[in-house]
Protein backbone atom coordinates (compact mmCIF):
# COMPACT_ATOMS: atom_id res chain seq x y z
CA MET A 1 101.39 133.47 107.89
CA LYS A 2 104.98 132.25 108.06
CA THR A 3 105.54 129.68 110.78
CA LYS A 4 108.87 128.26 111.86
CA THR A 5 108.97 124.49 111.52
CA THR A 6 111.46 124.53 114.37
CA PRO A 7 110.56 125.08 117.06
CA GLN A 8 107.26 126.98 117.02
CA PHE A 9 104.95 124.93 114.82
CA TYR A 10 105.88 121.52 116.23
CA LEU A 11 106.26 122.79 119.75
CA ASP A 12 102.54 123.47 120.06
CA HIS A 13 99.96 120.71 120.42
CA GLY A 14 97.44 119.81 117.78
CA ASN A 15 94.00 118.45 118.65
CA TRP A 16 95.26 114.86 118.81
CA THR A 17 98.33 115.43 121.00
CA ASP A 18 96.83 117.92 123.45
CA PRO A 19 96.44 116.35 126.94
CA ARG A 20 94.19 119.27 127.96
CA GLU A 21 93.21 119.03 131.62
CA HIS A 22 95.44 115.98 132.12
CA ALA A 23 98.70 117.74 131.19
CA SER A 24 100.08 117.63 134.73
CA ALA A 25 100.19 113.82 134.52
CA PHE A 26 103.25 114.20 132.27
CA ASP A 27 105.21 116.05 134.93
CA SER A 28 106.40 112.81 136.53
CA VAL A 29 108.28 111.85 133.36
CA ASN A 30 111.81 113.20 133.05
CA LYS A 31 112.47 115.72 130.28
CA THR A 32 114.64 113.48 128.13
CA VAL A 33 113.78 111.53 125.00
CA SER A 34 114.92 108.23 126.50
CA ALA A 35 112.85 108.76 129.65
CA ILE A 36 109.80 109.66 127.59
CA THR A 37 109.98 106.65 125.28
CA SER A 38 110.61 104.41 128.30
CA ALA A 39 107.51 105.81 129.99
CA VAL A 40 105.40 105.20 126.87
CA GLN A 41 106.66 101.61 126.72
CA GLY A 42 105.53 101.09 130.30
CA LEU A 43 102.02 102.28 129.52
CA LEU A 44 101.14 100.64 126.20
CA VAL A 45 101.25 97.19 124.60
CA HIS A 46 101.13 96.79 120.84
CA ASP A 47 97.93 95.14 119.65
CA TYR A 48 99.76 92.47 117.61
CA PHE A 49 103.24 92.05 119.10
CA GLY A 50 101.94 92.22 122.65
CA ALA A 51 100.31 88.82 122.32
CA HIS A 52 103.54 87.27 121.03
CA LEU A 53 106.27 88.94 123.05
CA TYR A 54 104.95 88.95 126.62
CA SER A 55 103.97 86.02 128.81
CA GLU A 56 101.20 88.12 130.36
CA PRO A 57 99.55 90.34 127.74
CA PRO A 58 96.44 92.38 128.61
CA PRO A 59 93.43 90.04 128.80
CA ASN A 60 91.52 92.15 126.27
CA ILE A 61 94.31 92.31 123.70
CA ALA A 62 92.39 90.31 121.10
CA SER A 63 89.22 92.38 121.39
CA ALA A 64 90.64 95.84 122.08
CA SER A 65 89.71 98.58 119.63
CA ARG A 66 92.36 99.62 117.11
CA ALA A 67 90.90 103.12 116.88
CA THR A 68 93.42 105.82 117.78
CA LEU A 69 92.36 107.94 120.74
CA PRO A 70 93.30 111.59 121.18
CA ILE A 71 95.69 111.96 124.08
CA HIS A 72 93.20 113.78 126.32
CA ALA A 73 90.92 110.73 125.97
CA ARG A 74 93.72 108.16 126.19
CA LEU A 75 95.21 109.35 129.48
CA PRO A 76 92.21 108.50 131.71
CA THR A 77 92.18 104.94 130.31
CA LEU A 78 95.70 104.17 131.47
CA ASN A 79 95.83 101.85 134.46
CA ALA A 80 95.89 103.57 137.88
CA PHE A 81 95.71 107.00 136.25
CA GLY A 82 95.76 109.60 138.99
CA GLN A 83 97.21 107.14 141.51
CA THR A 84 100.42 105.79 139.95
CA PRO A 85 102.72 108.23 138.10
CA LEU A 86 103.00 107.72 134.36
CA SER A 87 106.75 107.27 134.78
CA ALA A 88 106.14 103.98 136.63
CA ALA A 89 105.97 101.03 134.24
CA ARG A 90 102.86 98.87 134.55
CA ASN A 91 102.99 95.10 134.38
CA THR A 92 102.40 94.01 130.79
CA ASN A 93 98.94 92.65 131.58
CA LEU A 94 97.89 96.05 132.98
CA ARG A 95 98.98 98.20 130.05
CA ALA A 96 96.61 99.75 127.54
CA VAL A 97 96.42 98.16 124.10
CA GLY A 98 97.38 100.37 121.16
CA THR A 99 98.80 100.45 117.66
CA CYS A 100 102.12 101.89 116.50
CA ARG A 101 100.40 105.25 116.00
CA ASP A 102 99.31 105.33 119.65
CA PHE A 103 102.95 104.88 120.72
CA ALA A 104 104.03 107.69 118.38
CA LEU A 105 101.19 110.02 119.39
CA LEU A 106 101.81 109.60 123.12
CA THR A 107 105.55 110.11 122.62
CA CYS A 108 104.89 113.27 120.61
CA SER A 109 102.50 114.61 123.25
CA MET A 110 105.00 114.07 126.09
CA LEU A 111 107.83 115.65 124.10
CA ARG A 112 105.79 118.75 123.32
CA HIS A 113 104.71 118.99 126.95
CA HIS A 114 108.38 119.09 127.92
CA VAL A 115 109.09 121.82 125.35
CA ILE A 116 110.76 119.54 122.79
CA PRO A 117 109.43 120.08 119.24
CA ALA A 118 108.02 116.82 117.92
CA ARG A 119 105.83 115.44 115.14
CA VAL A 120 104.22 112.10 114.32
CA ARG A 121 105.37 110.52 111.05
CA CYS A 122 103.87 107.87 108.79
CA GLY A 123 106.09 105.80 106.53
CA PHE A 124 107.76 102.44 106.18
CA ALA A 125 110.01 100.61 108.63
CA HIS A 126 112.80 98.28 107.52
CA TYR A 127 113.13 96.36 110.80
CA PHE A 128 109.93 94.28 110.81
CA HIS A 129 110.23 92.20 107.66
CA PRO A 130 113.53 92.97 105.93
CA PRO A 131 114.35 93.36 103.11
CA THR A 132 110.88 94.88 102.64
CA TYR A 133 109.57 98.03 104.34
CA GLU A 134 106.39 97.78 106.42
CA ASP A 135 103.72 100.41 107.04
CA HIS A 136 104.48 102.05 110.39
CA TRP A 137 104.26 105.22 112.52
CA ILE A 138 107.04 106.77 114.59
CA CYS A 139 107.84 110.10 116.25
CA GLU A 140 110.37 112.69 115.14
CA TYR A 141 111.86 115.22 117.56
CA TRP A 142 114.10 118.24 117.24
CA ASP A 143 117.58 117.82 118.72
CA GLU A 144 118.91 121.18 119.87
CA GLU A 145 122.50 119.97 120.04
CA THR A 146 122.72 118.91 116.40
CA LEU A 147 119.98 121.26 115.13
CA SER A 148 118.38 118.37 113.28
CA TRP A 149 115.36 116.09 113.39
CA LYS A 150 115.85 112.62 114.86
CA MET A 151 113.56 109.59 114.85
CA ALA A 152 112.38 107.59 117.86
CA ASP A 153 110.21 104.47 117.95
CA ALA A 154 108.80 103.94 121.43
CA GLN A 155 107.18 100.68 120.37
CA LEU A 156 110.63 99.09 120.25
CA ASP A 157 111.02 98.11 123.87
CA ARG A 158 113.49 95.47 125.05
CA ALA A 159 111.22 92.61 123.97
CA HIS A 160 110.81 94.05 120.47
CA VAL A 161 114.52 94.77 120.15
CA GLN A 162 115.40 91.20 121.01
CA HIS A 163 112.66 89.67 118.83
CA LEU A 164 113.49 91.81 115.79
CA SER A 165 117.28 91.71 116.31
CA VAL A 166 117.42 95.50 116.39
CA THR A 167 120.97 96.81 116.79
CA PHE A 168 120.43 100.58 116.44
CA ASP A 169 119.45 103.21 119.02
CA VAL A 170 115.65 103.29 119.01
CA ASN A 171 115.78 106.92 120.17
CA ASP A 172 118.05 107.98 117.31
CA MET A 173 117.24 105.68 114.41
CA PRO A 174 119.37 105.58 111.25
CA VAL A 175 117.68 107.14 108.24
CA ASP A 176 117.73 103.85 106.33
CA GLN A 177 115.59 102.12 108.98
CA PHE A 178 112.49 104.25 108.50
CA VAL A 179 111.61 105.95 105.20
CA PHE A 180 109.02 108.72 104.99
CA ALA A 181 106.32 108.16 102.38
CA TRP A 182 107.25 111.19 100.25
CA LYS A 183 110.80 109.90 99.89
CA VAL A 184 109.45 106.50 98.83
CA TRP A 185 107.30 108.22 96.21
CA ASN A 186 110.19 110.30 94.88
CA ALA A 187 112.41 107.23 94.65
CA CYS A 188 109.81 105.09 92.89
CA ARG A 189 107.78 107.48 90.73
CA ASN A 190 109.74 106.64 87.59
CA ASP A 191 109.68 102.90 88.24
CA PHE A 192 106.50 101.68 89.94
CA SER A 193 107.95 98.16 90.18
CA LEU A 194 110.11 99.39 93.07
CA LEU A 195 106.98 100.05 95.12
CA LYS A 196 106.54 96.33 95.76
CA ALA A 197 109.03 96.64 98.61
CA PHE A 198 106.81 99.09 100.52
CA GLY A 199 103.36 98.45 101.98
CA HIS A 200 101.16 96.81 104.58
CA GLY A 201 101.39 93.03 104.60
CA GLU A 202 100.56 91.88 101.08
CA ALA A 203 99.44 95.36 100.02
CA LYS A 204 102.78 96.46 98.57
CA VAL A 205 101.66 98.51 95.57
CA PHE A 206 101.16 102.07 94.38
CA TRP A 207 97.81 102.68 96.03
CA PHE A 208 99.09 101.96 99.55
CA VAL A 209 102.14 104.17 99.16
CA ARG A 210 99.67 106.85 98.08
CA VAL A 211 97.68 106.31 101.29
CA ASN A 212 100.75 106.76 103.48
CA LEU A 213 101.93 109.70 101.42
CA VAL A 214 98.69 111.49 102.29
CA ARG A 215 98.68 110.37 105.92
CA ASP A 216 102.25 111.53 106.48
CA PHE A 217 101.54 114.94 104.97
CA LEU A 218 98.43 115.33 107.14
CA ALA A 219 100.46 114.29 110.19
CA LEU A 220 103.01 116.98 109.34
CA MET A 221 100.06 119.38 109.46
CA LYS A 222 99.06 117.96 112.90
CA LEU A 223 96.18 115.89 111.53
CA GLU A 224 97.46 112.51 112.66
CA VAL A 225 94.09 110.79 112.20
CA SER A 226 92.02 111.16 109.04
CA ASN A 227 89.52 109.49 106.74
CA TRP A 228 92.47 108.02 104.84
CA ASP A 229 92.71 105.51 107.69
CA THR A 230 89.72 103.78 106.08
CA TRP A 231 91.96 102.56 103.22
CA ARG A 232 90.68 99.00 103.65
CA GLU A 233 87.32 100.19 102.26
CA GLN A 234 88.76 100.90 98.81
CA ALA A 235 87.25 98.98 95.91
CA ASP A 236 89.59 97.69 93.23
CA ASP A 237 88.58 100.54 90.91
CA ASP A 238 89.73 103.03 93.57
CA LYS A 239 93.22 101.54 93.51
CA GLU A 240 93.95 102.20 89.86
CA VAL A 241 96.93 104.36 88.92
CA SER A 242 95.48 107.37 87.12
CA ASP A 243 97.12 110.53 85.84
CA ALA A 244 95.12 112.50 88.42
CA ALA A 245 96.37 110.25 91.23
CA ILE A 246 99.97 110.65 90.10
CA ALA A 247 99.57 114.43 89.89
CA GLN A 248 98.14 114.53 93.40
CA CYS A 249 101.01 112.42 94.74
CA GLU A 250 103.49 114.79 93.15
CA GLN A 251 101.82 117.76 94.81
CA ILE A 252 101.75 116.08 98.24
CA ALA A 253 105.36 114.87 97.98
CA ASN A 254 106.52 118.36 97.05
CA ALA A 255 104.63 119.88 99.99
CA SER A 256 106.10 117.31 102.41
CA ARG A 257 109.60 117.91 101.07
CA LEU A 258 109.11 121.65 101.47
CA ILE A 259 108.12 121.26 105.12
CA GLU A 260 111.12 119.06 105.84
CA THR A 261 113.78 120.98 103.98
CA THR A 262 113.04 124.64 104.71
CA ASN A 263 113.52 126.63 107.90
CA ASP A 264 110.05 128.09 107.56
CA PHE A 265 106.99 127.36 105.49
CA ASP A 266 103.76 129.13 104.72
CA VAL A 267 101.11 127.18 106.64
CA GLY A 268 98.33 129.13 104.96
CA SER A 269 99.51 128.12 101.49
CA LEU A 270 98.97 124.46 102.37
CA GLU A 271 95.46 124.83 103.80
CA ALA A 272 93.77 124.29 100.43
CA LEU A 273 95.74 121.08 99.90
CA VAL A 274 94.81 119.85 103.38
CA GLU A 275 91.14 120.67 102.79
CA GLY A 276 91.17 118.80 99.49
CA LEU A 277 92.38 115.66 101.25
CA GLN A 278 89.70 115.54 103.95
CA SER A 279 87.62 113.06 101.95
CA PRO A 280 89.56 110.32 100.14
CA HIS A 281 88.55 109.38 96.61
CA TRP A 282 86.80 106.16 97.70
CA HIS A 283 84.38 108.26 99.77
CA ALA A 284 83.38 110.38 96.79
């Protein structure tokens, strides 16, 4: 089955972005990207930066779960849900605690609700610890005026912007500020030493770029949460660069590039690749 990448495929919800019976809660948020990211910022606090950037972080910020919730389960946990509209910013100590992926997932859900094609992306951000690129999640949306995909990072509220000295539009980020994992792979596949600039904390090596390469591809297929999120469980033997691992990365990077660069793609042709990635190699 041929499916348009824009707008049909990314206009419809996946299991993780679907608000289900809570969809009407999004109606209070204006149908613009800036209004949507502003609303998300008023509902969530980042699990790390929240403790450092706000004088009154949520009291449970240190103990809150880092597990990503599907949107239909996240909405009832937001403070005063059903009483205060989601467009009204909560005080920082009353916001829900989440990770960067929670910000991206909620943004994506609101955009799709307001008939704006959107997708969650996994890659590497340049604005946290330059000159290196840090593991991160953002949201991409389709801009009808320019007929192109643009990037938005709802986590970057005013406090983040000031703390990180961000000078760009967080709702229309420059392409050099966030790099998708497949582009990192393509740039570094002939020189693995370049991979040391991309990762999560000290984990700036091939195996972590491989993890995000898979997670970004699965997110493009509307599987924003997967068993690849258990990457911390890998033993050292699971992190070795093998010919099979390189071949798999090539296949995933090519599939991701195809999705991004063509007006339509055969969803069915990618189902076997998706199925083969359901269980990461360290779970074998």
